Amino acid sequence: MSDDHPTRRDLMKPVQLLGLAFGAALFAGIVTLVSMGFFQGGSPEQAQAAVVLALIIAGISFIAVLLIVALLLLAVDPKQLTTPIDKPVLLPDEDDTTDAASGEAPKA
């Protein structure tokens, strides 16, 4: 493999991907616990229900973030990261534009 082009693994290592998903799950779990009043000293049944729901929300968010970030990484071509872009991104390529003066489509 050549060293001038990054690989998909170089874009985000699996440990970083899992760390990001775990951080999002931890955040979602803590927000769920706080919103359900876990830290306000309610009854043990309410605390247990809050913990169970927080674990469910944390698990769902872990899987969702892991899946979404992994799919977004598949959409990136690693070879395009090293090529410089010197034109606006949303404009079509010069080969794809029609000649406005003659009204002809470009030849393929």
C-alpha atoms as a PDB file:
ATOM      1  CA  MET A   1       0.000   0.000   0.000  1.00  0.00           C
ATOM      2  CA  SER A   2       1.193   3.492  -0.688  1.00  0.00           C
ATOM      3  CA  ASP A   3       1.647   5.926   2.162  1.00  0.00           C
ATOM      4  CA  ASP A   4       0.378   8.976   0.243  1.00  0.00           C
ATOM      5  CA  HIS A   5      -3.300   7.968   0.422  1.00  0.00           C
ATOM      6  CA  PRO A   6      -5.017   7.451   3.762  1.00  0.00           C
ATOM      7  CA  THR A   7      -7.018   4.303   4.273  1.00  0.00           C
ATOM      8  CA  ARG A   8     -10.461   4.016   5.800  1.00  0.00           C
ATOM      9  CA  ARG A   9      -8.845   2.768   8.977  1.00  0.00           C
ATOM     10  CA  ASP A  10      -6.709   5.925   9.076  1.00  0.00           C
ATOM     11  CA  LEU A  11      -9.823   8.103   8.878  1.00  0.00           C
ATOM     12  CA  MET A  12     -11.140   6.788  12.149  1.00  0.00           C
ATOM     13  CA  LYS A  13      -9.654   3.894  14.014  1.00  0.00           C
ATOM     14  CA  PRO A  14     -12.083   1.326  15.478  1.00  0.00           C
ATOM     15  CA  VAL A  15     -11.178   2.346  19.026  1.00  0.00           C
ATOM     16  CA  GLN A  16     -12.053   5.957  18.219  1.00  0.00           C
ATOM     17  CA  LEU A  17     -15.340   4.860  16.678  1.00  0.00           C
ATOM     18  CA  LEU A  18     -16.236   2.809  19.760  1.00  0.00           C
ATOM     19  CA  GLY A  19     -15.101   5.628  22.053  1.00  0.00           C
ATOM     20  CA  LEU A  20     -17.319   8.137  20.280  1.00  0.00           C
ATOM     21  CA  ALA A  21     -20.306   5.786  20.477  1.00  0.00           C
ATOM     22  CA  PHE A  22     -19.609   5.046  24.156  1.00  0.00           C
ATOM     23  CA  GLY A  23     -19.354   8.763  24.949  1.00  0.00           C
ATOM     24  CA  ALA A  24     -22.682   9.453  23.257  1.00  0.00           C
ATOM     25  CA  ALA A  25     -24.288   6.520  25.107  1.00  0.00           C
ATOM     26  CA  LEU A  26     -22.914   7.730  28.432  1.00  0.00           C
ATOM     27  CA  PHE A  27     -24.245  11.229  27.762  1.00  0.00           C
ATOM     28  CA  ALA A  28     -27.683   9.887  26.820  1.00  0.00           C
ATOM     29  CA  GLY A  29     -27.789   7.687  29.916  1.00  0.00           C
ATOM     30  CA  ILE A  30     -26.860  10.532  32.254  1.00  0.00           C
ATOM     31  CA  VAL A  31     -29.400  12.861  30.653  1.00  0.00           C
ATOM     32  CA  THR A  32     -32.062  10.180  31.080  1.00  0.00           C
ATOM     33  CA  LEU A  33     -31.164   9.676  34.746  1.00  0.00           C
ATOM     34  CA  VAL A  34     -31.252  13.406  35.434  1.00  0.00           C
ATOM     35  CA  SER A  35     -34.539  13.915  33.593  1.00  0.00           C
ATOM     36  CA  MET A  36     -36.209  11.047  35.473  1.00  0.00           C
ATOM     37  CA  GLY A  37     -35.173  12.428  38.864  1.00  0.00           C
ATOM     38  CA  PHE A  38     -32.757   9.662  39.818  1.00  0.00           C
ATOM     39  CA  PHE A  39     -30.558  12.032  41.836  1.00  0.00           C
ATOM     40  CA  GLN A  40     -33.451  13.592  43.794  1.00  0.00           C
ATOM     41  CA  GLY A  41     -33.847  10.706  46.232  1.00  0.00           C
ATOM     42  CA  GLY A  42     -37.192   9.238  45.214  1.00  0.00           C
ATOM     43  CA  SER A  43     -38.485   5.803  46.055  1.00  0.00           C
ATOM     44  CA  PRO A  44     -36.375   2.732  45.230  1.00  0.00           C
ATOM     45  CA  GLU A  45     -38.911   1.644  42.589  1.00  0.00           C
ATOM     46  CA  GLN A  46     -38.579   4.975  40.783  1.00  0.00           C
ATOM     47  CA  ALA A  47     -34.774   4.786  40.970  1.00  0.00           C
ATOM     48  CA  GLN A  48     -34.785   1.263  39.564  1.00  0.00           C
ATOM     49  CA  ALA A  49     -37.107   2.281  36.714  1.00  0.00           C
ATOM     50  CA  ALA A  50     -34.860   5.255  35.949  1.00  0.00           C
ATOM     51  CA  VAL A  51     -31.752   3.056  35.825  1.00  0.00           C
ATOM     52  CA  VAL A  52     -33.431   0.477  33.580  1.00  0.00           C
ATOM     53  CA  LEU A  53     -34.678   3.142  31.182  1.00  0.00           C
ATOM     54  CA  ALA A  54     -31.272   4.887  31.191  1.00  0.00           C
ATOM     55  CA  LEU A  55     -29.550   1.615  30.273  1.00  0.00           C
ATOM     56  CA  ILE A  56     -32.022   1.025  27.436  1.00  0.00           C
ATOM     57  CA  ILE A  57     -31.573   4.572  26.096  1.00  0.00           C
ATOM     58  CA  ALA A  58     -27.777   4.284  26.413  1.00  0.00           C
ATOM     59  CA  GLY A  59     -27.761   0.981  24.519  1.00  0.00           C
ATOM     60  CA  ILE A  60     -29.947   2.324  21.735  1.00  0.00           C
ATOM     61  CA  SER A  61     -27.844   5.457  21.371  1.00  0.00           C
ATOM     62  CA  PHE A  62     -24.601   3.405  21.394  1.00  0.00           C
ATOM     63  CA  ILE A  63     -25.822   1.222  18.538  1.00  0.00           C
ATOM     64  CA  ALA A  64     -27.303   4.167  16.608  1.00  0.00           C
ATOM     65  CA  VAL A  65     -24.153   6.307  16.827  1.00  0.00           C
ATOM     66  CA  LEU A  66     -21.931   3.357  15.943  1.00  0.00           C
ATOM     67  CA  LEU A  67     -24.048   2.520  12.904  1.00  0.00           C
ATOM     68  CA  ILE A  68     -24.480   6.097  11.676  1.00  0.00           C
ATOM     69  CA  VAL A  69     -20.798   7.061  11.980  1.00  0.00           C
ATOM     70  CA  ALA A  70     -19.665   3.814  10.354  1.00  0.00           C
ATOM     71  CA  LEU A  71     -22.019   4.359   7.414  1.00  0.00           C
ATOM     72  CA  LEU A  72     -20.907   7.978   7.055  1.00  0.00           C
ATOM     73  CA  LEU A  73     -17.281   6.824   6.951  1.00  0.00           C
ATOM     74  CA  LEU A  74     -18.146   4.494   4.086  1.00  0.00           C
ATOM     75  CA  ALA A  75     -19.391   7.479   2.085  1.00  0.00           C
ATOM     76  CA  VAL A  76     -15.949   9.135   2.186  1.00  0.00           C
ATOM     77  CA  ASP A  77     -13.428   8.187  -0.466  1.00  0.00           C
ATOM     78  CA  PRO A  78     -10.029   8.222   1.275  1.00  0.00           C
ATOM     79  CA  LYS A  79      -8.216   9.155  -1.943  1.00  0.00           C
ATOM     80  CA  GLN A  80     -10.237  12.364  -2.246  1.00  0.00           C
ATOM     81  CA  LEU A  81      -8.874  13.616   1.064  1.00  0.00           C
ATOM     82  CA  THR A  82      -5.448  14.328  -0.407  1.00  0.00           C
ATOM     83  CA  THR A  83      -6.600  15.997  -3.633  1.00  0.00           C
ATOM     84  CA  PRO A  84      -6.810  19.785  -3.409  1.00  0.00           C
ATOM     85  CA  ILE A  85     -10.131  21.428  -4.267  1.00  0.00           C
ATOM     86  CA  ASP A  86      -9.671  24.753  -6.044  1.00  0.00           C
ATOM     87  CA  LYS A  87     -13.235  25.442  -7.165  1.00  0.00           C
ATOM     88  CA  PRO A  88     -16.612  25.722  -5.468  1.00  0.00           C
ATOM     89  CA  VAL A  89     -17.861  22.308  -4.432  1.00  0.00           C
ATOM     90  CA  LEU A  90     -21.481  22.695  -5.548  1.00  0.00           C
ATOM     91  CA  LEU A  91     -20.707  23.824  -9.087  1.00  0.00           C
ATOM     92  CA  PRO A  92     -20.854  21.099 -11.746  1.00  0.00           C
ATOM     93  CA  ASP A  93     -17.694  19.911 -13.431  1.00  0.00           C
ATOM     94  CA  GLU A  94     -16.607  21.849 -16.501  1.00  0.00           C
ATOM     95  CA  ASP A  95     -17.060  18.732 -18.602  1.00  0.00           C
ATOM     96  CA  ASP A  96     -20.713  18.381 -17.560  1.00  0.00           C
ATOM     97  CA  THR A  97     -21.868  21.928 -18.361  1.00  0.00           C
ATOM     98  CA  THR A  98     -23.630  22.793 -21.579  1.00  0.00           C
ATOM     99  CA  ASP A  99     -22.396  25.506 -23.863  1.00  0.00           C
ATOM    100  CA  ALA A 100     -24.922  28.301 -23.343  1.00  0.00           C
ATOM    101  CA  ALA A 101     -24.010  30.078 -26.581  1.00  0.00           C
ATOM    102  CA  SER A 102     -24.487  27.130 -28.921  1.00  0.00           C
ATOM    103  CA  GLY A 103     -27.055  25.218 -26.857  1.00  0.00           C
ATOM    104  CA  GLU A 104     -25.228  21.943 -27.488  1.00  0.00           C
ATOM    105  CA  ALA A 105     -24.658  19.348 -24.867  1.00  0.00           C
ATOM    106  CA  PRO A 106     -21.040  18.394 -24.228  1.00  0.00           C
ATOM    107  CA  LYS A 107     -19.687  15.446 -26.128  1.00  0.00           C
ATOM    108  CA  ALA A 108     -18.921  12.404 -24.078  1.00  0.00           C
END
